[in-house]
């Protein structure tokens, strides 16, 4: 019989395995953050983490890095959207 801790550990491991391909690293001149590769050409992240910068590099889980720019942000919901080149799935 699994303990609650073992069940939680397995559940977290399953979540990480299922989402790892969508998590990206975002770097600016003064900031570093993570984001979600939401859909083709779109990265969603925290608005607060980006400070006031407008261009960034995004590293995908496979190690590829691309230059990107801020499409828009909403400080009231703390959401920012970055673009990726069209060729990136």
Foldseek 3Di string as FASTA:
>chain_A
DDDPVRVVVVVVVVVCVVQVQQKKWKDDPPFIDIWGNPDQFKTKDFQVRVPPDFKIWIAGSVGDIDIWGWPDADNVVRMTMITDPRVGD
